[in-house]
């Protein structure tokens, strides 16, 4: 009997048992796990019992109305979760490789709507056989295990991984619709801002985001106590710029995000000689498993070309210490 048990516990674990364990551990509910796996609850219970027999230790405490992991179950779950994620990601990539070419990326919503999406039409026209998927989210993503190929991120150099490629930096500059200025009060000095509504992010006065705030800009211009006609607060940069485009006030904008609007004349810099440097920059991060795919390389090359145009438009000169190559 002892020999039989030893042999049982040394053989490989069935994948179906591991899938059942992960589902039950995630839901802490046999019924929910069985519904997810399209199995009967008794079938899932048998899978878990077989797994516990194989490893030789209980993985769950079974109560009348609840299920909880044992300490052994928690150890197994920590090892199993990333392994299953890697397997699922590899399978998705294999499926994609047999069909259409595709590139999946993550970036924050304002950057997607204000910088990336307006440029995508030209790329898709030149690459009609390639699908682009955008996940607009600020949430951190592990490109080692996700099904995303690359990330476009915003932050200081110190917060980026060593292989991140700098696209461009930024400055903050006051901008407005020309229609607001046409028949409005004179605006030639920082003091003149008191006659207008000022638009900014609702969280810009958070100490981690104070470089985005009007108050920081006003401090730099030696008018720290200036009060505008009114304040307007929004959650996202694209909302703030839209309010400025519609003539509702002035926004302290991130220059790379509004370069196109300045070029077309939809927005104008009201005090162009008073731009304020930001410690932030925009970065391209490529997942290690995607870096060798031809379609990912083509998309990254296109991104760098678009970034070069933005750098020229805003007069951005990268610090050589923060970028691998210069234009």
C-alpha atoms as a PDB file:
ATOM      1  CA  UNK A   1       0.000   0.000   0.000  1.00  0.00           C
ATOM      2  CA  UNK A   2       2.823   2.384   0.874  1.00  0.00           C
ATOM      3  CA  UNK A   3       4.533   1.606  -2.456  1.00  0.00           C
ATOM      4  CA  UNK A   4       1.275   2.333  -4.320  1.00  0.00           C
ATOM      5  CA  UNK A   5       0.811   5.695  -2.606  1.00  0.00           C
ATOM      6  CA  UNK A   6       4.424   6.709  -3.280  1.00  0.00           C
ATOM      7  CA  UNK A   7       4.071   5.813  -6.964  1.00  0.00           C
ATOM      8  CA  UNK A   8       0.759   7.714  -7.148  1.00  0.00           C
ATOM      9  CA  UNK A   9       2.260  10.884  -5.722  1.00  0.00           C
ATOM     10  CA  UNK A  10       5.292  10.852  -8.026  1.00  0.00           C
ATOM     11  CA  UNK A  11       3.409  10.701 -11.319  1.00  0.00           C
ATOM     12  CA  UNK A  12       2.555  13.884 -13.297  1.00  0.00           C
ATOM     13  CA  UNK A  13      -0.607  15.741 -12.288  1.00  0.00           C
ATOM     14  CA  UNK A  14      -3.448  15.732 -14.808  1.00  0.00           C
ATOM     15  CA  UNK A  15      -4.059  19.153 -16.348  1.00  0.00           C
ATOM     16  CA  UNK A  16      -7.818  18.790 -15.892  1.00  0.00           C
ATOM     17  CA  UNK A  17      -7.334  18.454 -12.145  1.00  0.00           C
ATOM     18  CA  UNK A  18      -5.229  21.608 -12.058  1.00  0.00           C
ATOM     19  CA  UNK A  19      -7.830  23.553 -14.071  1.00  0.00           C
ATOM     20  CA  UNK A  20     -10.552  22.419 -11.678  1.00  0.00           C
ATOM     21  CA  UNK A  21      -8.431  23.347  -8.648  1.00  0.00           C
ATOM     22  CA  UNK A  22      -7.672  26.831 -10.023  1.00  0.00           C
ATOM     23  CA  UNK A  23     -11.346  27.500 -10.776  1.00  0.00           C
ATOM     24  CA  UNK A  24     -12.505  26.405  -7.319  1.00  0.00           C
ATOM     25  CA  UNK A  25      -9.683  28.331  -5.629  1.00  0.00           C
ATOM     26  CA  UNK A  26     -10.553  31.481  -7.584  1.00  0.00           C
ATOM     27  CA  UNK A  27     -14.285  31.305  -6.871  1.00  0.00           C
ATOM     28  CA  UNK A  28     -14.045  29.516  -3.492  1.00  0.00           C
ATOM     29  CA  UNK A  29     -17.226  27.848  -4.654  1.00  0.00           C
ATOM     30  CA  UNK A  30     -17.679  24.447  -6.299  1.00  0.00           C
ATOM     31  CA  UNK A  31     -20.926  25.408  -8.026  1.00  0.00           C
ATOM     32  CA  UNK A  32     -19.445  28.540  -9.658  1.00  0.00           C
ATOM     33  CA  UNK A  33     -16.364  26.577 -10.753  1.00  0.00           C
ATOM     34  CA  UNK A  34     -18.481  23.841 -12.293  1.00  0.00           C
ATOM     35  CA  UNK A  35     -20.566  26.378 -14.232  1.00  0.00           C
ATOM     36  CA  UNK A  36     -17.430  28.050 -15.570  1.00  0.00           C
ATOM     37  CA  UNK A  37     -15.957  24.719 -16.669  1.00  0.00           C
ATOM     38  CA  UNK A  38     -19.283  23.382 -18.051  1.00  0.00           C
ATOM     39  CA  UNK A  39     -19.008  20.316 -15.798  1.00  0.00           C
ATOM     40  CA  UNK A  40     -21.265  18.935 -13.113  1.00  0.00           C
ATOM     41  CA  UNK A  41     -20.466  19.889  -9.549  1.00  0.00           C
ATOM     42  CA  UNK A  42     -19.802  16.253  -8.688  1.00  0.00           C
ATOM     43  CA  UNK A  43     -17.321  15.981 -11.571  1.00  0.00           C
ATOM     44  CA  UNK A  44     -15.385  18.984 -10.253  1.00  0.00           C
ATOM     45  CA  UNK A  45     -15.453  17.516  -6.749  1.00  0.00           C
ATOM     46  CA  UNK A  46     -14.003  14.248  -8.087  1.00  0.00           C
ATOM     47  CA  UNK A  47     -11.235  16.188  -9.890  1.00  0.00           C
ATOM     48  CA  UNK A  48     -10.297  17.964  -6.657  1.00  0.00           C
ATOM     49  CA  UNK A  49     -10.381  14.732  -4.629  1.00  0.00           C
ATOM     50  CA  UNK A  50      -8.163  13.014  -7.195  1.00  0.00           C
ATOM     51  CA  UNK A  51      -5.708  15.937  -7.080  1.00  0.00           C
ATOM     52  CA  UNK A  52      -5.586  15.823  -3.277  1.00  0.00           C
ATOM     53  CA  UNK A  53      -4.928  12.075  -3.465  1.00  0.00           C
ATOM     54  CA  UNK A  54      -2.144  12.666  -5.990  1.00  0.00           C
ATOM     55  CA  UNK A  55      -0.346  15.348  -3.958  1.00  0.00           C
ATOM     56  CA  UNK A  56      -1.075  13.629  -0.643  1.00  0.00           C
ATOM     57  CA  UNK A  57      -2.478  16.627   1.213  1.00  0.00           C
ATOM     58  CA  UNK A  58      -5.786  18.450   1.558  1.00  0.00           C
ATOM     59  CA  UNK A  59      -6.117  21.591  -0.562  1.00  0.00           C
ATOM     60  CA  UNK A  60      -9.438  22.930   0.736  1.00  0.00           C
ATOM     61  CA  UNK A  61     -11.287  23.216   4.006  1.00  0.00           C
ATOM     62  CA  UNK A  62     -14.861  22.247   3.176  1.00  0.00           C
ATOM     63  CA  UNK A  63     -17.439  23.929   5.402  1.00  0.00           C
ATOM     64  CA  UNK A  64     -21.203  23.684   5.221  1.00  0.00           C
ATOM     65  CA  UNK A  65     -21.642  26.907   3.255  1.00  0.00           C
ATOM     66  CA  UNK A  66     -18.119  27.886   2.321  1.00  0.00           C
ATOM     67  CA  UNK A  67     -14.821  26.632   0.958  1.00  0.00           C
ATOM     68  CA  UNK A  68     -11.390  27.966   1.872  1.00  0.00           C
ATOM     69  CA  UNK A  69      -7.855  27.119   0.826  1.00  0.00           C
ATOM     70  CA  UNK A  70      -5.565  25.260   3.153  1.00  0.00           C
ATOM     71  CA  UNK A  71      -2.003  26.512   3.476  1.00  0.00           C
ATOM     72  CA  UNK A  72      -0.957  23.787   1.023  1.00  0.00           C
ATOM     73  CA  UNK A  73      -3.673  24.890  -1.382  1.00  0.00           C
ATOM     74  CA  UNK A  74      -2.394  28.464  -1.221  1.00  0.00           C
ATOM     75  CA  UNK A  75       1.137  27.299  -2.080  1.00  0.00           C
ATOM     76  CA  UNK A  76      -0.127  25.370  -5.089  1.00  0.00           C
ATOM     77  CA  UNK A  77      -2.307  28.255  -6.285  1.00  0.00           C
ATOM     78  CA  UNK A  78       0.629  30.708  -6.205  1.00  0.00           C
ATOM     79  CA  UNK A  79       2.649  28.391  -8.442  1.00  0.00           C
ATOM     80  CA  UNK A  80      -0.238  27.391 -10.692  1.00  0.00           C
ATOM     81  CA  UNK A  81      -1.788  30.759 -11.553  1.00  0.00           C
ATOM     82  CA  UNK A  82       1.164  32.259 -13.497  1.00  0.00           C
ATOM     83  CA  UNK A  83       1.851  28.880 -15.143  1.00  0.00           C
ATOM     84  CA  UNK A  84      -1.706  28.658 -16.500  1.00  0.00           C
ATOM     85  CA  UNK A  85      -1.558  32.288 -17.626  1.00  0.00           C
ATOM     86  CA  UNK A  86       1.623  31.587 -19.589  1.00  0.00           C
ATOM     87  CA  UNK A  87       0.098  28.495 -21.187  1.00  0.00           C
ATOM     88  CA  UNK A  88      -3.081  30.371 -22.156  1.00  0.00           C
ATOM     89  CA  UNK A  89      -1.056  33.255 -23.549  1.00  0.00           C
ATOM     90  CA  UNK A  90       1.104  30.902 -25.630  1.00  0.00           C
ATOM     91  CA  UNK A  91      -1.989  29.196 -27.019  1.00  0.00           C
ATOM     92  CA  UNK A  92      -3.518  32.560 -27.963  1.00  0.00           C
ATOM     93  CA  UNK A  93      -0.333  33.496 -29.763  1.00  0.00           C
ATOM     94  CA  UNK A  94      -0.264  30.199 -31.635  1.00  0.00           C
ATOM     95  CA  UNK A  95      -3.867  30.676 -32.695  1.00  0.00           C
ATOM     96  CA  UNK A  96      -3.124  34.205 -33.868  1.00  0.00           C
ATOM     97  CA  UNK A  97      -0.083  33.087 -35.836  1.00  0.00           C
ATOM     98  CA  UNK A  98      -2.225  30.744 -37.930  1.00  0.00           C
ATOM     99  CA  UNK A  99      -4.676  33.493 -38.856  1.00  0.00           C
ATOM    100  CA  UNK A 100      -4.438  37.195 -39.547  1.00  0.00           C
ATOM    101  CA  UNK A 101      -1.497  39.244 -38.352  1.00  0.00           C
ATOM    102  CA  UNK A 102      -2.318  41.282 -35.288  1.00  0.00           C
ATOM    103  CA  UNK A 103      -0.746  43.625 -32.745  1.00  0.00           C
ATOM    104  CA  UNK A 104      -2.269  44.148 -29.304  1.00  0.00           C
ATOM    105  CA  UNK A 105      -1.230  47.063 -27.114  1.00  0.00           C
ATOM    106  CA  UNK A 106      -2.177  48.795 -23.908  1.00  0.00           C
ATOM    107  CA  UNK A 107      -2.100  52.522 -23.207  1.00  0.00           C
ATOM    108  CA  UNK A 108      -4.031  55.071 -21.187  1.00  0.00           C
ATOM    109  CA  UNK A 109      -7.310  56.398 -22.555  1.00  0.00           C
ATOM    110  CA  UNK A 110      -6.324  60.018 -23.204  1.00  0.00           C
ATOM    111  CA  UNK A 111      -3.181  59.054 -25.101  1.00  0.00           C
ATOM    112  CA  UNK A 112      -5.150  56.574 -27.188  1.00  0.00           C
ATOM    113  CA  UNK A 113      -7.845  59.089 -28.116  1.00  0.00           C
ATOM    114  CA  UNK A 114      -5.655  62.184 -28.555  1.00  0.00           C
ATOM    115  CA  UNK A 115      -2.409  60.867 -30.053  1.00  0.00           C
ATOM    116  CA  UNK A 116      -2.617  57.261 -31.223  1.00  0.00           C
ATOM    117  CA  UNK A 117      -6.057  56.776 -32.780  1.00  0.00           C
ATOM    118  CA  UNK A 118      -5.965  59.879 -35.022  1.00  0.00           C
ATOM    119  CA  UNK A 119      -2.766  58.504 -36.602  1.00  0.00           C
ATOM    120  CA  UNK A 120      -3.874  54.883 -36.974  1.00  0.00           C
ATOM    121  CA  UNK A 121      -5.871  55.338 -40.157  1.00  0.00           C
ATOM    122  CA  UNK A 122      -2.699  55.943 -42.166  1.00  0.00           C
ATOM    123  CA  UNK A 123      -1.017  52.844 -40.707  1.00  0.00           C
ATOM    124  CA  UNK A 124      -4.018  50.631 -41.397  1.00  0.00           C
ATOM    125  CA  UNK A 125      -4.287  51.960 -44.939  1.00  0.00           C
ATOM    126  CA  UNK A 126      -0.682  50.860 -45.552  1.00  0.00           C
ATOM    127  CA  UNK A 127      -1.131  47.578 -43.656  1.00  0.00           C
ATOM    128  CA  UNK A 128      -4.609  46.313 -44.557  1.00  0.00           C
ATOM    129  CA  UNK A 129      -3.833  42.736 -43.509  1.00  0.00           C
ATOM    130  CA  UNK A 130      -2.954  43.648 -39.921  1.00  0.00           C
ATOM    131  CA  UNK A 131      -5.419  43.903 -37.027  1.00  0.00           C
ATOM    132  CA  UNK A 132      -4.778  46.362 -34.172  1.00  0.00           C
ATOM    133  CA  UNK A 133      -6.271  45.849 -30.705  1.00  0.00           C
ATOM    134  CA  UNK A 134      -6.055  48.665 -28.138  1.00  0.00           C
ATOM    135  CA  UNK A 135      -6.630  48.071 -24.435  1.00  0.00           C
ATOM    136  CA  UNK A 136      -7.139  51.573 -23.011  1.00  0.00           C
ATOM    137  CA  UNK A 137      -6.192  51.157 -19.368  1.00  0.00           C
ATOM    138  CA  UNK A 138      -3.847  52.640 -16.768  1.00  0.00           C
ATOM    139  CA  UNK A 139      -3.524  49.280 -15.014  1.00  0.00           C
ATOM    140  CA  UNK A 140      -0.021  47.766 -14.980  1.00  0.00           C
ATOM    141  CA  UNK A 141       0.353  44.820 -17.353  1.00  0.00           C
ATOM    142  CA  UNK A 142       2.953  42.057 -17.236  1.00  0.00           C
ATOM    143  CA  UNK A 143       3.899  41.670 -20.901  1.00  0.00           C
ATOM    144  CA  UNK A 144       5.679  38.398 -20.043  1.00  0.00           C
ATOM    145  CA  UNK A 145       2.377  36.601 -19.466  1.00  0.00           C
ATOM    146  CA  UNK A 146      -0.373  38.719 -21.033  1.00  0.00           C
ATOM    147  CA  UNK A 147      -1.658  38.461 -24.595  1.00  0.00           C
ATOM    148  CA  UNK A 148      -0.586  42.072 -25.223  1.00  0.00           C
ATOM    149  CA  UNK A 149       2.447  42.768 -27.369  1.00  0.00           C
ATOM    150  CA  UNK A 150       3.457  46.230 -26.208  1.00  0.00           C
ATOM    151  CA  UNK A 151       2.603  49.081 -23.870  1.00  0.00           C
ATOM    152  CA  UNK A 152       2.650  52.843 -24.377  1.00  0.00           C
ATOM    153  CA  UNK A 153       3.200  54.421 -20.986  1.00  0.00           C
ATOM    154  CA  UNK A 154       3.601  57.819 -19.328  1.00  0.00           C
ATOM    155  CA  UNK A 155       5.972  58.544 -16.485  1.00  0.00           C
ATOM    156  CA  UNK A 156       9.449  59.630 -15.404  1.00  0.00           C
ATOM    157  CA  UNK A 157      12.448  57.674 -16.641  1.00  0.00           C
ATOM    158  CA  UNK A 158      13.097  56.259 -13.188  1.00  0.00           C
ATOM    159  CA  UNK A 159       9.760  54.417 -13.212  1.00  0.00           C
ATOM    160  CA  UNK A 160      10.338  52.688 -16.549  1.00  0.00           C
ATOM    161  CA  UNK A 161      12.074  49.331 -17.202  1.00  0.00           C
ATOM    162  CA  UNK A 162      15.562  49.468 -18.655  1.00  0.00           C
ATOM    163  CA  UNK A 163      14.400  48.331 -22.114  1.00  0.00           C
ATOM    164  CA  UNK A 164      11.727  51.053 -22.433  1.00  0.00           C
ATOM    165  CA  UNK A 165      12.173  53.283 -25.493  1.00  0.00           C
ATOM    166  CA  UNK A 166      11.563  56.999 -25.036  1.00  0.00           C
ATOM    167  CA  UNK A 167       9.121  58.396 -27.589  1.00  0.00           C
ATOM    168  CA  UNK A 168       9.068  62.055 -26.494  1.00  0.00           C
ATOM    169  CA  UNK A 169       8.987  64.280 -23.453  1.00  0.00           C
ATOM    170  CA  UNK A 170       6.513  67.028 -22.738  1.00  0.00           C
ATOM    171  CA  UNK A 171       5.980  70.602 -21.673  1.00  0.00           C
ATOM    172  CA  UNK A 172       2.880  72.176 -20.205  1.00  0.00           C
ATOM    173  CA  UNK A 173       1.469  75.199 -22.027  1.00  0.00           C
ATOM    174  CA  UNK A 174      -1.705  77.306 -21.679  1.00  0.00           C
ATOM    175  CA  UNK A 175      -3.974  76.938 -24.714  1.00  0.00           C
ATOM    176  CA  UNK A 176      -7.425  78.099 -25.751  1.00  0.00           C
ATOM    177  CA  UNK A 177      -9.798  78.142 -28.669  1.00  0.00           C
ATOM    178  CA  UNK A 178      -9.142  81.123 -30.968  1.00  0.00           C
ATOM    179  CA  UNK A 179     -12.869  81.855 -30.772  1.00  0.00           C
ATOM    180  CA  UNK A 180     -12.629  82.395 -27.029  1.00  0.00           C
ATOM    181  CA  UNK A 181      -9.851  84.930 -27.543  1.00  0.00           C
ATOM    182  CA  UNK A 182     -11.362  86.697 -30.547  1.00  0.00           C
ATOM    183  CA  UNK A 183     -13.963  88.733 -28.705  1.00  0.00           C
ATOM    184  CA  UNK A 184     -12.777  88.146 -25.158  1.00  0.00           C
ATOM    185  CA  UNK A 185     -10.588  90.093 -22.748  1.00  0.00           C
ATOM    186  CA  UNK A 186      -6.977  90.855 -23.564  1.00  0.00           C
ATOM    187  CA  UNK A 187      -4.590  88.036 -22.707  1.00  0.00           C
ATOM    188  CA  UNK A 188      -0.948  89.064 -22.852  1.00  0.00           C
ATOM    189  CA  UNK A 189       0.375  88.346 -19.348  1.00  0.00           C
ATOM    190  CA  UNK A 190      -0.185  85.677 -16.687  1.00  0.00           C
ATOM    191  CA  UNK A 191      -2.186  88.228 -14.673  1.00  0.00           C
ATOM    192  CA  UNK A 192      -4.742  88.370 -17.498  1.00  0.00           C
ATOM    193  CA  UNK A 193      -5.753  84.766 -16.780  1.00  0.00           C
ATOM    194  CA  UNK A 194      -7.902  86.085 -13.925  1.00  0.00           C
ATOM    195  CA  UNK A 195     -10.482  87.086 -16.554  1.00  0.00           C
ATOM    196  CA  UNK A 196     -10.975  83.506 -17.816  1.00  0.00           C
ATOM    197  CA  UNK A 197     -12.119  80.105 -16.634  1.00  0.00           C
ATOM    198  CA  UNK A 198      -9.229  77.701 -16.048  1.00  0.00           C
ATOM    199  CA  UNK A 199      -9.589  73.995 -16.807  1.00  0.00           C
ATOM    200  CA  UNK A 200      -7.566  71.263 -15.126  1.00  0.00           C
ATOM    201  CA  UNK A 201      -7.616  67.652 -13.958  1.00  0.00           C
ATOM    202  CA  UNK A 202      -9.575  66.946 -10.797  1.00  0.00           C
ATOM    203  CA  UNK A 203      -6.550  65.182  -9.286  1.00  0.00           C
ATOM    204  CA  UNK A 204      -3.921  67.625 -10.556  1.00  0.00           C
ATOM    205  CA  UNK A 205      -3.381  69.019  -7.066  1.00  0.00           C
ATOM    206  CA  UNK A 206      -2.407  65.607  -5.781  1.00  0.00           C
ATOM    207  CA  UNK A 207       1.248  65.871  -4.779  1.00  0.00           C
ATOM    208  CA  UNK A 208       2.185  63.163  -7.314  1.00  0.00           C
ATOM    209  CA  UNK A 209       0.577  65.068 -10.219  1.00  0.00           C
ATOM    210  CA  UNK A 210       1.236  68.677  -9.275  1.00  0.00           C
ATOM    211  CA  UNK A 211       3.253  69.311 -12.462  1.00  0.00           C
ATOM    212  CA  UNK A 212      -0.103  69.192 -14.282  1.00  0.00           C
ATOM    213  CA  UNK A 213      -1.686  71.895 -12.139  1.00  0.00           C
ATOM    214  CA  UNK A 214      -2.340  75.519 -12.936  1.00  0.00           C
ATOM    215  CA  UNK A 215      -1.165  76.366  -9.413  1.00  0.00           C
ATOM    216  CA  UNK A 216       2.351  75.130 -10.174  1.00  0.00           C
ATOM    217  CA  UNK A 217       2.416  77.085 -13.435  1.00  0.00           C
ATOM    218  CA  UNK A 218       1.119  80.228 -11.676  1.00  0.00           C
ATOM    219  CA  UNK A 219       3.757  79.830  -8.972  1.00  0.00           C
ATOM    220  CA  UNK A 220       6.443  79.751 -11.655  1.00  0.00           C
ATOM    221  CA  UNK A 221       5.067  82.984 -13.148  1.00  0.00           C
ATOM    222  CA  UNK A 222       5.110  84.784  -9.747  1.00  0.00           C
ATOM    223  CA  UNK A 223       1.309  85.061  -9.524  1.00  0.00           C
ATOM    224  CA  UNK A 224       0.641  82.366  -6.917  1.00  0.00           C
ATOM    225  CA  UNK A 225      -2.515  83.999  -5.535  1.00  0.00           C
ATOM    226  CA  UNK A 226      -4.255  84.547  -8.866  1.00  0.00           C
ATOM    227  CA  UNK A 227      -7.863  83.363  -8.939  1.00  0.00           C
ATOM    228  CA  UNK A 228      -9.615  82.817 -12.276  1.00  0.00           C
ATOM    229  CA  UNK A 229     -13.189  83.653 -13.105  1.00  0.00           C
ATOM    230  CA  UNK A 230     -13.983  80.025 -12.249  1.00  0.00           C
ATOM    231  CA  UNK A 231     -12.393  76.585 -12.109  1.00  0.00           C
ATOM    232  CA  UNK A 232     -13.474  73.610 -14.221  1.00  0.00           C
ATOM    233  CA  UNK A 233     -12.333  70.084 -13.331  1.00  0.00           C
ATOM    234  CA  UNK A 234     -12.350  66.918 -15.440  1.00  0.00           C
ATOM    235  CA  UNK A 235     -11.094  63.354 -15.017  1.00  0.00           C
ATOM    236  CA  UNK A 236      -9.251  62.938 -18.312  1.00  0.00           C
ATOM    237  CA  UNK A 237      -6.956  65.026 -20.498  1.00  0.00           C
ATOM    238  CA  UNK A 238      -9.122  64.532 -23.578  1.00  0.00           C
ATOM    239  CA  UNK A 239     -12.137  65.915 -21.674  1.00  0.00           C
ATOM    240  CA  UNK A 240     -10.153  68.976 -20.633  1.00  0.00           C
ATOM    241  CA  UNK A 241      -8.982  69.660 -24.182  1.00  0.00           C
ATOM    242  CA  UNK A 242     -12.491  69.155 -25.541  1.00  0.00           C
ATOM    243  CA  UNK A 243     -13.770  71.786 -23.109  1.00  0.00           C
ATOM    244  CA  UNK A 244     -11.063  74.175 -24.325  1.00  0.00           C
ATOM    245  CA  UNK A 245     -11.865  73.432 -27.979  1.00  0.00           C
ATOM    246  CA  UNK A 246     -15.482  74.365 -27.338  1.00  0.00           C
ATOM    247  CA  UNK A 247     -14.419  77.716 -25.863  1.00  0.00           C
ATOM    248  CA  UNK A 248     -15.247  77.022 -22.219  1.00  0.00           C
ATOM    249  CA  UNK A 249     -11.906  78.158 -20.842  1.00  0.00           C
ATOM    250  CA  UNK A 250      -8.131  77.771 -20.944  1.00  0.00           C
ATOM    251  CA  UNK A 251      -6.384  74.496 -20.276  1.00  0.00           C
ATOM    252  CA  UNK A 252      -2.812  73.876 -19.191  1.00  0.00           C
ATOM    253  CA  UNK A 253      -2.220  71.198 -21.803  1.00  0.00           C
ATOM    254  CA  UNK A 254       0.417  68.532 -22.358  1.00  0.00           C
ATOM    255  CA  UNK A 255       2.083  69.787 -25.516  1.00  0.00           C
ATOM    256  CA  UNK A 256       2.514  66.424 -27.313  1.00  0.00           C
ATOM    257  CA  UNK A 257      -1.176  65.685 -26.886  1.00  0.00           C
ATOM    258  CA  UNK A 258      -2.356  68.890 -28.559  1.00  0.00           C
ATOM    259  CA  UNK A 259       0.353  69.378 -31.203  1.00  0.00           C
ATOM    260  CA  UNK A 260      -2.082  68.503 -34.009  1.00  0.00           C
ATOM    261  CA  UNK A 261      -4.706  70.929 -32.709  1.00  0.00           C
ATOM    262  CA  UNK A 262      -2.079  73.685 -32.616  1.00  0.00           C
ATOM    263  CA  UNK A 263      -0.975  72.866 -36.158  1.00  0.00           C
ATOM    264  CA  UNK A 264      -4.538  73.087 -37.478  1.00  0.00           C
ATOM    265  CA  UNK A 265      -5.311  76.258 -35.515  1.00  0.00           C
ATOM    266  CA  UNK A 266      -8.100  74.643 -33.502  1.00  0.00           C
ATOM    267  CA  UNK A 267      -6.141  75.651 -30.396  1.00  0.00           C
ATOM    268  CA  UNK A 268      -3.592  78.415 -29.870  1.00  0.00           C
ATOM    269  CA  UNK A 269      -0.874  78.880 -27.286  1.00  0.00           C
ATOM    270  CA  UNK A 270      -1.819  82.003 -25.400  1.00  0.00           C
ATOM    271  CA  UNK A 271       1.581  82.574 -23.752  1.00  0.00           C
ATOM    272  CA  UNK A 272       3.984  80.458 -25.863  1.00  0.00           C
ATOM    273  CA  UNK A 273       7.091  81.895 -24.234  1.00  0.00           C
ATOM    274  CA  UNK A 274       5.967  80.543 -20.839  1.00  0.00           C
ATOM    275  CA  UNK A 275       6.004  76.791 -21.445  1.00  0.00           C
ATOM    276  CA  UNK A 276       6.787  74.737 -18.359  1.00  0.00           C
ATOM    277  CA  UNK A 277       8.976  71.615 -18.475  1.00  0.00           C
ATOM    278  CA  UNK A 278       7.458  68.402 -17.124  1.00  0.00           C
ATOM    279  CA  UNK A 279       9.425  65.539 -15.533  1.00  0.00           C
ATOM    280  CA  UNK A 280       7.317  63.079 -17.502  1.00  0.00           C
ATOM    281  CA  UNK A 281       7.839  61.380 -20.862  1.00  0.00           C
ATOM    282  CA  UNK A 282       6.060  58.898 -23.115  1.00  0.00           C
ATOM    283  CA  UNK A 283       7.524  55.421 -23.548  1.00  0.00           C
ATOM    284  CA  UNK A 284       7.263  52.325 -25.717  1.00  0.00           C
ATOM    285  CA  UNK A 285       7.687  48.974 -23.951  1.00  0.00           C
ATOM    286  CA  UNK A 286       7.750  45.822 -26.085  1.00  0.00           C
ATOM    287  CA  UNK A 287       6.935  42.410 -24.628  1.00  0.00           C
ATOM    288  CA  UNK A 288       9.887  39.990 -24.843  1.00  0.00           C
ATOM    289  CA  UNK A 289       7.806  37.259 -26.490  1.00  0.00           C
ATOM    290  CA  UNK A 290       6.537  39.646 -29.171  1.00  0.00           C
ATOM    291  CA  UNK A 291       9.720  41.509 -30.063  1.00  0.00           C
ATOM    292  CA  UNK A 292      10.735  39.141 -32.890  1.00  0.00           C
ATOM    293  CA  UNK A 293       7.393  39.102 -34.703  1.00  0.00           C
ATOM    294  CA  UNK A 294       7.549  40.981 -38.001  1.00  0.00           C
ATOM    295  CA  UNK A 295       4.196  42.717 -37.519  1.00  0.00           C
ATOM    296  CA  UNK A 296       5.180  43.972 -34.059  1.00  0.00           C
ATOM    297  CA  UNK A 297       8.482  45.274 -35.409  1.00  0.00           C
ATOM    298  CA  UNK A 298       6.659  47.061 -38.246  1.00  0.00           C
ATOM    299  CA  UNK A 299       4.208  48.675 -35.850  1.00  0.00           C
ATOM    300  CA  UNK A 300       6.980  49.763 -33.481  1.00  0.00           C
ATOM    301  CA  UNK A 301       8.923  51.295 -36.369  1.00  0.00           C
ATOM    302  CA  UNK A 302       5.798  53.217 -37.376  1.00  0.00           C
ATOM    303  CA  UNK A 303       5.328  54.405 -33.780  1.00  0.00           C
ATOM    304  CA  UNK A 304       8.900  55.692 -33.703  1.00  0.00           C
ATOM    305  CA  UNK A 305       8.343  57.553 -36.977  1.00  0.00           C
ATOM    306  CA  UNK A 306       5.206  59.173 -35.566  1.00  0.00           C
ATOM    307  CA  UNK A 307       7.064  60.014 -32.356  1.00  0.00           C
ATOM    308  CA  UNK A 308       9.833  61.663 -34.379  1.00  0.00           C
ATOM    309  CA  UNK A 309       7.258  63.910 -36.043  1.00  0.00           C
ATOM    310  CA  UNK A 310       5.831  64.821 -32.645  1.00  0.00           C
ATOM    311  CA  UNK A 311       9.286  65.635 -31.275  1.00  0.00           C
ATOM    312  CA  UNK A 312       9.907  67.948 -34.209  1.00  0.00           C
ATOM    313  CA  UNK A 313       6.496  69.594 -33.810  1.00  0.00           C
ATOM    314  CA  UNK A 314       7.018  70.390 -30.125  1.00  0.00           C
ATOM    315  CA  UNK A 315      10.761  71.074 -30.276  1.00  0.00           C
ATOM    316  CA  UNK A 316      11.594  68.184 -27.966  1.00  0.00           C
ATOM    317  CA  UNK A 317      15.282  67.345 -27.624  1.00  0.00           C
ATOM    318  CA  UNK A 318      15.710  64.102 -25.643  1.00  0.00           C
ATOM    319  CA  UNK A 319      18.323  63.732 -22.984  1.00  0.00           C
ATOM    320  CA  UNK A 320      20.958  61.369 -24.503  1.00  0.00           C
ATOM    321  CA  UNK A 321      21.098  59.527 -21.186  1.00  0.00           C
ATOM    322  CA  UNK A 322      17.434  58.482 -21.464  1.00  0.00           C
ATOM    323  CA  UNK A 323      17.216  57.248 -25.038  1.00  0.00           C
ATOM    324  CA  UNK A 324      19.126  54.662 -27.036  1.00  0.00           C
ATOM    325  CA  UNK A 325      19.070  56.510 -30.349  1.00  0.00           C
ATOM    326  CA  UNK A 326      18.517  60.065 -31.525  1.00  0.00           C
ATOM    327  CA  UNK A 327      16.953  61.304 -34.732  1.00  0.00           C
END
